[in-house]
Structures are given as structure tokens and as C-alpha cells.
PDB file of N, CA and C in Angstrom:
ATOM      1  N   MET A   1      10.543 205.625  54.905  1.00  0.00           N
ATOM      2  CA  MET A   1       9.785 206.761  54.417  1.00  0.00           C
ATOM      3  C   MET A   1       9.151 206.433  53.062  1.00  0.00           C
ATOM      4  N   LEU A   2       9.947 205.906  52.126  1.00  0.00           N
ATOM      5  CA  LEU A   2       9.432 205.555  50.818  1.00  0.00           C
ATOM      6  C   LEU A   2       8.430 204.411  50.926  1.00  0.00           C
ATOM      7  N   THR A   3       8.708 203.470  51.784  1.00  0.00           N
ATOM      8  CA  THR A   3       7.794 202.332  51.939  1.00  0.00           C
ATOM      9  C   THR A   3       6.444 202.780  52.489  1.00  0.00           C
ATOM     10  N   ARG A   4       6.475 203.704  53.419  1.00  0.00           N
ATOM     11  CA  ARG A   4       5.224 204.218  53.982  1.00  0.00           C
ATOM     12  C   ARG A   4       4.402 204.936  52.917  1.00  0.00           C
ATOM     13  N   LEU A   5       5.073 205.676  52.033  1.00  0.00           N
ATOM     14  CA  LEU A   5       4.387 206.377  50.948  1.00  0.00           C
ATOM     15  C   LEU A   5       3.759 205.379  49.974  1.00  0.00           C
ATOM     16  N   ILE A   6       4.487 204.335  49.616  1.00  0.00           N
ATOM     17  CA  ILE A   6       3.974 203.326  48.687  1.00  0.00           C
ATOM     18  C   ILE A   6       2.751 202.631  49.273  1.00  0.00           C
ATOM     19  N   VAL A   7       2.835 202.239  50.524  1.00  0.00           N
ATOM     20  CA  VAL A   7       1.700 201.573  51.179  1.00  0.00           C
ATOM     21  C   VAL A   7       0.508 202.519  51.275  1.00  0.00           C
ATOM     22  N   SER A   8       0.742 203.762  51.608  1.00  0.00           N
ATOM     23  CA  SER A   8      -0.352 204.737  51.718  1.00  0.00           C
ATOM     24  C   SER A   8      -1.031 204.964  50.377  1.00  0.00           C
ATOM     25  N   LEU A   9      -0.252 205.104  49.312  1.00  0.00           N
ATOM     26  CA  LEU A   9      -0.833 205.306  47.985  1.00  0.00           C
ATOM     27  C   LEU A   9      -1.635 204.086  47.543  1.00  0.00           C
ATOM     28  N   ALA A  10      -1.119 202.900  47.812  1.00  0.00           N
ATOM     29  CA  ALA A  10      -1.848 201.680  47.469  1.00  0.00           C
ATOM     30  C   ALA A  10      -3.142 201.576  48.277  1.00  0.00           C
ATOM     31  N   ASP A  11      -3.112 201.950  49.525  1.00  0.00           N
ATOM     32  CA  ASP A  11      -4.316 201.913  50.357  1.00  0.00           C
ATOM     33  C   ASP A  11      -5.363 202.913  49.874  1.00  0.00           C
ATOM     34  N   VAL A  12      -4.929 204.104  49.502  1.00  0.00           N
ATOM     35  CA  VAL A  12      -5.856 205.117  48.987  1.00  0.00           C
ATOM     36  C   VAL A  12      -6.479 204.638  47.677  1.00  0.00           C
ATOM     37  N   TYR A  13      -5.653 204.078  46.781  1.00  0.00           N
ATOM     38  CA  TYR A  13      -6.176 203.585  45.506  1.00  0.00           C
ATOM     39  C   TYR A  13      -7.132 202.409  45.732  1.00  0.00           C
ATOM     40  N   SER A  14      -6.831 201.554  46.677  1.00  0.00           N
ATOM     41  CA  SER A  14      -7.732 200.455  47.011  1.00  0.00           C
ATOM     42  C   SER A  14      -9.069 200.989  47.501  1.00  0.00           C
ATOM     43  N   MET A  15      -9.036 202.021  48.314  1.00  0.00           N
ATOM     44  CA  MET A  15     -10.272 202.621  48.813  1.00  0.00           C
ATOM     45  C   MET A  15     -11.062 203.266  47.670  1.00  0.00           C
ATOM     46  N   LEU A  16     -10.379 203.890  46.719  1.00  0.00           N
ATOM     47  CA  LEU A  16     -11.066 204.476  45.569  1.00  0.00           C
ATOM     48  C   LEU A  16     -11.765 203.390  44.751  1.00  0.00           C
ATOM     49  N   ILE A  17     -11.089 202.274  44.546  1.00  0.00           N
ATOM     50  CA  ILE A  17     -11.698 201.165  43.813  1.00  0.00           C
ATOM     51  C   ILE A  17     -12.914 200.642  44.572  1.00  0.00           C
ATOM     52  N   PHE A  18     -12.786 200.490  45.876  1.00  0.00           N
ATOM     53  CA  PHE A  18     -13.905 200.012  46.696  1.00  0.00           C
ATOM     54  C   PHE A  18     -15.108 200.947  46.595  1.00  0.00           C
ATOM     55  N   VAL A  19     -14.883 202.237  46.713  1.00  0.00           N
ATOM     56  CA  VAL A  19     -15.972 203.214  46.625  1.00  0.00           C
ATOM     57  C   VAL A  19     -16.593 203.187  45.228  1.00  0.00           C
ATOM     58  N   TYR A  20     -15.757 203.086  44.201  1.00  0.00           N
ATOM     59  CA  TYR A  20     -16.246 203.015  42.822  1.00  0.00           C
ATOM     60  C   TYR A  20     -17.157 201.808  42.626  1.00  0.00           C
ATOM     61  N   VAL A  21     -16.752 200.664  43.140  1.00  0.00           N
ATOM     62  CA  VAL A  21     -17.561 199.452  43.005  1.00  0.00           C
ATOM     63  C   VAL A  21     -18.869 199.597  43.779  1.00  0.00           C
ATOM     64  N   MET A  22     -18.816 200.142  44.975  1.00  0.00           N
ATOM     65  CA  MET A  22     -20.037 200.324  45.761  1.00  0.00           C
ATOM     66  C   MET A  22     -20.990 201.311  45.073  1.00  0.00           C
ATOM     67  N   MET A  23     -20.418 202.355  44.467  1.00  0.00           N
ATOM     68  CA  MET A  23     -21.260 203.343  43.783  1.00  0.00           C
ATOM     69  C   MET A  23     -21.903 202.767  42.529  1.00  0.00           C
ATOM     70  N   SER A  24     -21.310 201.716  41.967  1.00  0.00           N
ATOM     71  CA  SER A  24     -21.894 201.124  40.769  1.00  0.00           C
ATOM     72  C   SER A  24     -23.241 200.469  41.075  1.00  0.00           C
ATOM     73  N   TRP A  25     -23.507 200.212  42.311  1.00  0.00           N
ATOM     74  CA  TRP A  25     -24.789 199.634  42.706  1.00  0.00           C
ATOM     75  C   TRP A  25     -25.885 200.686  42.860  1.00  0.00           C
ATOM     76  N   LEU A  26     -25.498 201.956  42.887  1.00  0.00           N
ATOM     77  CA  LEU A  26     -26.463 203.038  43.064  1.00  0.00           C
ATOM     78  C   LEU A  26     -26.899 203.575  41.707  1.00  0.00           C
ATOM     79  N   PRO A  27     -28.154 204.014  41.605  1.00  0.00           N
ATOM     80  CA  PRO A  27     -28.572 204.659  40.352  1.00  0.00           C
ATOM     81  C   PRO A  27     -28.009 206.082  40.286  1.00  0.00           C
ATOM     82  N   THR A  28     -26.982 206.265  39.477  1.00  0.00           N
ATOM     83  CA  THR A  28     -26.346 207.579  39.362  1.00  0.00           C
ATOM     84  C   THR A  28     -26.421 208.035  37.909  1.00  0.00           C
ATOM     85  N   THR A  29     -27.480 208.776  37.571  1.00  0.00           N
ATOM     86  CA  THR A  29     -27.630 209.250  36.206  1.00  0.00           C
ATOM     87  C   THR A  29     -27.232 210.713  36.054  1.00  0.00           C
ATOM     88  N   ARG A  30     -27.396 211.479  37.115  1.00  0.00           N
ATOM     89  CA  ARG A  30     -27.016 212.895  37.050  1.00  0.00           C
ATOM     90  C   ARG A  30     -26.817 213.432  38.458  1.00  0.00           C
ATOM     91  N   GLY A  31     -26.227 214.587  38.536  1.00  0.00           N
ATOM     92  CA  GLY A  31     -25.983 215.204  39.828  1.00  0.00           C
ATOM     93  C   GLY A  31     -24.576 214.967  40.321  1.00  0.00           C
ATOM     94  N   VAL A  32     -24.367 215.280  41.571  1.00  0.00           N
ATOM     95  CA  VAL A  32     -23.039 215.194  42.173  1.00  0.00           C
ATOM     96  C   VAL A  32     -22.541 213.753  42.220  1.00  0.00           C
ATOM     97  N   LEU A  33     -23.427 212.815  42.570  1.00  0.00           N
ATOM     98  CA  LEU A  33     -23.009 211.417  42.623  1.00  0.00           C
ATOM     99  C   LEU A  33     -22.554 210.906  41.263  1.00  0.00           C
ATOM    100  N   ALA A  34     -23.228 211.312  40.226  1.00  0.00           N
ATOM    101  CA  ALA A  34     -22.835 210.906  38.873  1.00  0.00           C
ATOM    102  C   ALA A  34     -21.469 211.484  38.516  1.00  0.00           C
ATOM    103  N   ASP A  35     -21.218 212.723  38.918  1.00  0.00           N
ATOM    104  CA  ASP A  35     -19.909 213.344  38.653  1.00  0.00           C
ATOM    105  C   ASP A  35     -18.801 212.624  39.405  1.00  0.00           C
ATOM    106  N   ILE A  36     -19.055 212.291  40.658  1.00  0.00           N
ATOM    107  CA  ILE A  36     -18.060 211.557  41.453  1.00  0.00           C
ATOM    108  C   ILE A  36     -17.814 210.187  40.841  1.00  0.00           C
ATOM    109  N   TYR A  37     -18.884 209.526  40.417  1.00  0.00           N
ATOM    110  CA  TYR A  37     -18.763 208.203  39.807  1.00  0.00           C
ATOM    111  C   TYR A  37     -17.940 208.263  38.516  1.00  0.00           C
ATOM    112  N   GLN A  38     -18.128 209.306  37.721  1.00  0.00           N
ATOM    113  CA  GLN A  38     -17.356 209.459  36.484  1.00  0.00           C
ATOM    114  C   GLN A  38     -15.880 209.683  36.771  1.00  0.00           C
ATOM    115  N   VAL A  39     -15.577 210.512  37.752  1.00  0.00           N
ATOM    116  CA  VAL A  39     -14.178 210.756  38.113  1.00  0.00           C
ATOM    117  C   VAL A  39     -13.525 209.482  38.623  1.00  0.00           C
ATOM    118  N   LEU A  40     -14.228 208.759  39.479  1.00  0.00           N
ATOM    119  CA  LEU A  40     -13.695 207.493  39.979  1.00  0.00           C
ATOM    120  C   LEU A  40     -13.510 206.497  38.840  1.00  0.00           C
ATOM    121  N   GLY A  41     -14.413 206.509  37.874  1.00  0.00           N
ATOM    122  CA  GLY A  41     -14.286 205.636  36.718  1.00  0.00           C
ATOM    123  C   GLY A  41     -13.037 205.936  35.912  1.00  0.00           C
ATOM    124  N   LYS A  42     -12.731 207.204  35.748  1.00  0.00           N
ATOM    125  CA  LYS A  42     -11.528 207.587  35.003  1.00  0.00           C
ATOM    126  C   LYS A  42     -10.262 207.182  35.755  1.00  0.00           C
ATOM    127  N   LEU A  43     -10.333 207.130  37.073  1.00  0.00           N
ATOM    128  CA  LEU A  43      -9.171 206.736  37.870  1.00  0.00           C
ATOM    129  C   LEU A  43      -9.038 205.222  37.994  1.00  0.00           C
ATOM    130  N   CYS A  44     -10.144 204.528  38.102  1.00  0.00           N
ATOM    131  CA  CYS A  44     -10.117 203.092  38.413  1.00  0.00           C
ATOM    132  C   CYS A  44     -10.236 202.187  37.192  1.00  0.00           C
ATOM    133  N   ASP A  45     -10.980 202.600  36.178  1.00  0.00           N
ATOM    134  CA  ASP A  45     -11.229 201.719  35.033  1.00  0.00           C
ATOM    135  C   ASP A  45      -9.970 201.282  34.282  1.00  0.00           C
ATOM    136  N   PRO A  46      -8.974 202.144  34.089  1.00  0.00           N
ATOM    137  CA  PRO A  46      -7.782 201.640  33.384  1.00  0.00           C
ATOM    138  C   PRO A  46      -7.137 200.441  34.081  1.00  0.00           C
ATOM    139  N   TYR A  47      -7.066 200.465  35.389  1.00  0.00           N
ATOM    140  CA  TYR A  47      -6.504 199.338  36.140  1.00  0.00           C
ATOM    141  C   TYR A  47      -7.446 198.137  36.125  1.00  0.00           C
ATOM    142  N   LEU A  48      -8.739 198.380  36.343  1.00  0.00           N
ATOM    143  CA  LEU A  48      -9.701 197.283  36.370  1.00  0.00           C
ATOM    144  C   LEU A  48      -9.854 196.623  35.001  1.00  0.00           C
ATOM    145  N   ASN A  49      -9.720 197.399  33.931  1.00  0.00           N
ATOM    146  CA  ASN A  49      -9.866 196.839  32.582  1.00  0.00           C
ATOM    147  C   ASN A  49      -8.767 195.833  32.256  1.00  0.00           C
ATOM    148  N   LEU A  50      -7.613 195.962  32.885  1.00  0.00           N
ATOM    149  CA  LEU A  50      -6.560 194.965  32.696  1.00  0.00           C
ATOM    150  C   LEU A  50      -7.048 193.581  33.102  1.00  0.00           C
ATOM    151  N   PHE A  51      -7.817 193.524  34.152  1.00  0.00           N
ATOM    152  CA  PHE A  51      -8.327 192.255  34.671  1.00  0.00           C
ATOM    153  C   PHE A  51      -9.614 191.831  33.971  1.00  0.00           C
ATOM    154  N   ARG A  52     -10.400 192.807  33.506  1.00  0.00           N
ATOM    155  CA  ARG A  52     -11.640 192.468  32.803  1.00  0.00           C
ATOM    156  C   ARG A  52     -11.353 191.763  31.486  1.00  0.00           C
ATOM    157  N   LYS A  53     -10.194 192.031  30.898  1.00  0.00           N
ATOM    158  CA  LYS A  53      -9.809 191.350  29.665  1.00  0.00           C
ATOM    159  C   LYS A  53      -9.521 189.872  29.927  1.00  0.00           C
ATOM    160  N   LEU A  54      -9.080 189.549  31.134  1.00  0.00           N
ATOM    161  CA  LEU A  54      -8.677 188.184  31.464  1.00  0.00           C
ATOM    162  C   LEU A  54      -9.762 187.366  32.149  1.00  0.00           C
ATOM    163  N   ILE A  55     -10.630 188.038  32.906  1.00  0.00           N
ATOM    164  CA  ILE A  55     -11.615 187.331  33.732  1.00  0.00           C
ATOM    165  C   ILE A  55     -13.028 187.700  33.276  1.00  0.00           C
ATOM    166  N   PRO A  56     -13.752 186.755  32.702  1.00  0.00           N
ATOM    167  CA  PRO A  56     -15.140 187.052  32.303  1.00  0.00           C
ATOM    168  C   PRO A  56     -16.054 187.097  33.527  1.00  0.00           C
ATOM    169  N   PRO A  57     -17.170 187.794  33.423  1.00  0.00           N
ATOM    170  CA  PRO A  57     -18.134 187.801  34.531  1.00  0.00           C
ATOM    171  C   PRO A  57     -18.660 186.393  34.808  1.00  0.00           C
ATOM    172  N   ILE A  58     -18.845 186.086  36.059  1.00  0.00           N
ATOM    173  CA  ILE A  58     -19.370 184.777  36.459  1.00  0.00           C
ATOM    174  C   ILE A  58     -20.872 184.753  36.180  1.00  0.00           C
ATOM    175  N   GLY A  59     -21.298 183.770  35.438  1.00  0.00           N
ATOM    176  CA  GLY A  59     -22.710 183.666  35.099  1.00  0.00           C
ATOM    177  C   GLY A  59     -23.183 184.797  34.209  1.00  0.00           C
ATOM    178  N   GLY A  60     -22.257 185.523  33.614  1.00  0.00           N
ATOM    179  CA  GLY A  60     -22.613 186.634  32.744  1.00  0.00           C
ATOM    180  C   GLY A  60     -23.002 187.904  33.465  1.00  0.00           C
ATOM    181  N   MET A  61     -23.044 187.857  34.814  1.00  0.00           N
ATOM    182  CA  MET A  61     -23.522 189.033  35.553  1.00  0.00           C
ATOM    183  C   MET A  61     -22.582 189.486  36.659  1.00  0.00           C
ATOM    184  N   VAL A  62     -21.957 188.583  37.361  1.00  0.00           N
ATOM    185  CA  VAL A  62     -21.164 188.923  38.542  1.00  0.00           C
ATOM    186  C   VAL A  62     -19.726 189.206  38.128  1.00  0.00           C
ATOM    187  N   ASP A  63     -19.307 190.432  38.329  1.00  0.00           N
ATOM    188  CA  ASP A  63     -17.956 190.868  37.964  1.00  0.00           C
ATOM    189  C   ASP A  63     -17.048 190.748  39.193  1.00  0.00           C
ATOM    190  N   VAL A  64     -16.132 189.798  39.158  1.00  0.00           N
ATOM    191  CA  VAL A  64     -15.217 189.590  40.284  1.00  0.00           C
ATOM    192  C   VAL A  64     -13.878 190.276  40.065  1.00  0.00           C
ATOM    193  N   THR A  65     -13.743 191.002  38.966  1.00  0.00           N
ATOM    194  CA  THR A  65     -12.452 191.634  38.685  1.00  0.00           C
ATOM    195  C   THR A  65     -12.014 192.635  39.751  1.00  0.00           C
ATOM    196  N   PRO A  66     -12.903 193.402  40.378  1.00  0.00           N
ATOM    197  CA  PRO A  66     -12.415 194.301  41.436  1.00  0.00           C
ATOM    198  C   PRO A  66     -11.763 193.551  42.594  1.00  0.00           C
ATOM    199  N   ILE A  67     -12.293 192.393  42.932  1.00  0.00           N
ATOM    200  CA  ILE A  67     -11.707 191.610  44.022  1.00  0.00           C
ATOM    201  C   ILE A  67     -10.308 191.151  43.643  1.00  0.00           C
ATOM    202  N   VAL A  68     -10.188 190.615  42.435  1.00  0.00           N
ATOM    203  CA  VAL A  68      -8.883 190.152  41.958  1.00  0.00           C
ATOM    204  C   VAL A  68      -7.916 191.327  41.845  1.00  0.00           C
ATOM    205  N   ALA A  69      -8.394 192.455  41.322  1.00  0.00           N
ATOM    206  CA  ALA A  69      -7.539 193.633  41.159  1.00  0.00           C
ATOM    207  C   ALA A  69      -7.037 194.140  42.509  1.00  0.00           C
ATOM    208  N   LEU A  70      -7.898 194.156  43.506  1.00  0.00           N
ATOM    209  CA  LEU A  70      -7.476 194.600  44.840  1.00  0.00           C
ATOM    210  C   LEU A  70      -6.465 193.633  45.449  1.00  0.00           C
ATOM    211  N   LEU A  71      -6.691 192.350  45.278  1.00  0.00           N
ATOM    212  CA  LEU A  71      -5.731 191.363  45.792  1.00  0.00           C
ATOM    213  C   LEU A  71      -4.372 191.508  45.118  1.00  0.00           C
ATOM    214  N   VAL A  72      -4.367 191.668  43.799  1.00  0.00           N
ATOM    215  CA  VAL A  72      -3.102 191.832  43.072  1.00  0.00           C
ATOM    216  C   VAL A  72      -2.399 193.109  43.515  1.00  0.00           C
ATOM    217  N   LEU A  73      -3.154 194.185  43.690  1.00  0.00           N
ATOM    218  CA  LEU A  73      -2.552 195.443  44.130  1.00  0.00           C
ATOM    219  C   LEU A  73      -1.908 195.290  45.504  1.00  0.00           C
ATOM    220  N   GLN A  74      -2.626 194.705  46.440  1.00  0.00           N
ATOM    221  CA  GLN A  74      -2.095 194.568  47.796  1.00  0.00           C
ATOM    222  C   GLN A  74      -0.913 193.602  47.855  1.00  0.00           C
ATOM    223  N   PHE A  75      -1.026 192.463  47.168  1.00  0.00           N
ATOM    224  CA  PHE A  75       0.096 191.520  47.149  1.00  0.00           C
ATOM    225  C   PHE A  75       1.293 192.109  46.421  1.00  0.00           C
ATOM    226  N   GLY A  76       1.033 192.851  45.343  1.00  0.00           N
ATOM    227  CA  GLY A  76       2.125 193.482  44.602  1.00  0.00           C
ATOM    228  C   GLY A  76       2.879 194.494  45.434  1.00  0.00           C
ATOM    229  N   VAL A  77       2.154 195.288  46.187  1.00  0.00           N
ATOM    230  CA  VAL A  77       2.800 196.283  47.059  1.00  0.00           C
ATOM    231  C   VAL A  77       3.606 195.590  48.145  1.00  0.00           C
ATOM    232  N   ARG A  78       3.025 194.555  48.728  1.00  0.00           N
ATOM    233  CA  ARG A  78       3.753 193.841  49.792  1.00  0.00           C
ATOM    234  C   ARG A  78       5.012 193.173  49.233  1.00  0.00           C
ATOM    235  N   LEU A  79       4.926 192.612  48.045  1.00  0.00           N
ATOM    236  CA  LEU A  79       6.097 191.997  47.406  1.00  0.00           C
ATOM    237  C   LEU A  79       7.149 193.051  47.090  1.00  0.00           C
ATOM    238  N   LEU A  80       6.712 194.190  46.620  1.00  0.00           N
ATOM    239  CA  LEU A  80       7.646 195.286  46.340  1.00  0.00           C
ATOM    240  C   LEU A  80       8.353 195.735  47.605  1.00  0.00           C
ATOM    241  N   LEU A  81       7.638 195.778  48.713  1.00  0.00           N
ATOM    242  CA  LEU A  81       8.242 196.181  49.981  1.00  0.00           C
ATOM    243  C   LEU A  81       9.266 195.169  50.470  1.00  0.00           C
ATOM    244  N   ILE A  82       9.009 193.898  50.188  1.00  0.00           N
ATOM    245  CA  ILE A  82       9.993 192.871  50.567  1.00  0.00           C
ATOM    246  C   ILE A  82      11.264 193.024  49.757  1.00  0.00           C
ATOM    247  N   LEU A  83      11.096 193.386  48.482  1.00  0.00           N
ATOM    248  CA  LEU A  83      12.263 193.507  47.604  1.00  0.00           C
ATOM    249  C   LEU A  83      13.056 194.786  47.827  1.00  0.00           C
ATOM    250  N   ILE A  84      12.426 195.794  48.417  1.00  0.00           N
ATOM    251  CA  ILE A  84      13.138 197.073  48.646  1.00  0.00           C
ATOM    252  C   ILE A  84      14.102 196.924  49.810  1.00  0.00           C
TER     253      ILE A  84
END
């Protein structure tokens, strides 16, 4: 029961990060999309900023931190499940 909850929460958070990254490609200056993007930013940026401090953008433009953050989240959850 607890393991299912942990996996579900990690999956939901992974999906939020994915949507946040995809929305960053859209021009969102105002309106509902901008509000959703801001809320997702408040939820995802604290976690993503941990990795942005360690990994610089490739070529100064390509930010790979969401990929690394998602991998760490998924591997971390799976490791936690093994230890439980």
C-alpha cells in the first residue's frame, strides 16, 4: 500500500515536470496558460534548481537538467522501494 502511494506520487511529480518543460517551449506571457506555468514553476523549480546548480546548459542553451532530475527521481524511488 505504501509502496503504491510512493510510486504514484513520483509518477505524478514526473508528469508535472514533463508538462512544465513542454510548456516552457510555448509563449506564455498572460492568461490561463501563464497561470498554469507559474504554478508548475513553483512546484517543479525547487527540485530542478538542485540540478541546475550542478549541470550547466550544454552549449549555453540546451538545459538537460529536467532529464537528469527525472532519472534521479525514478531511480531514487525504485531504490527506496527495494530498501523498504
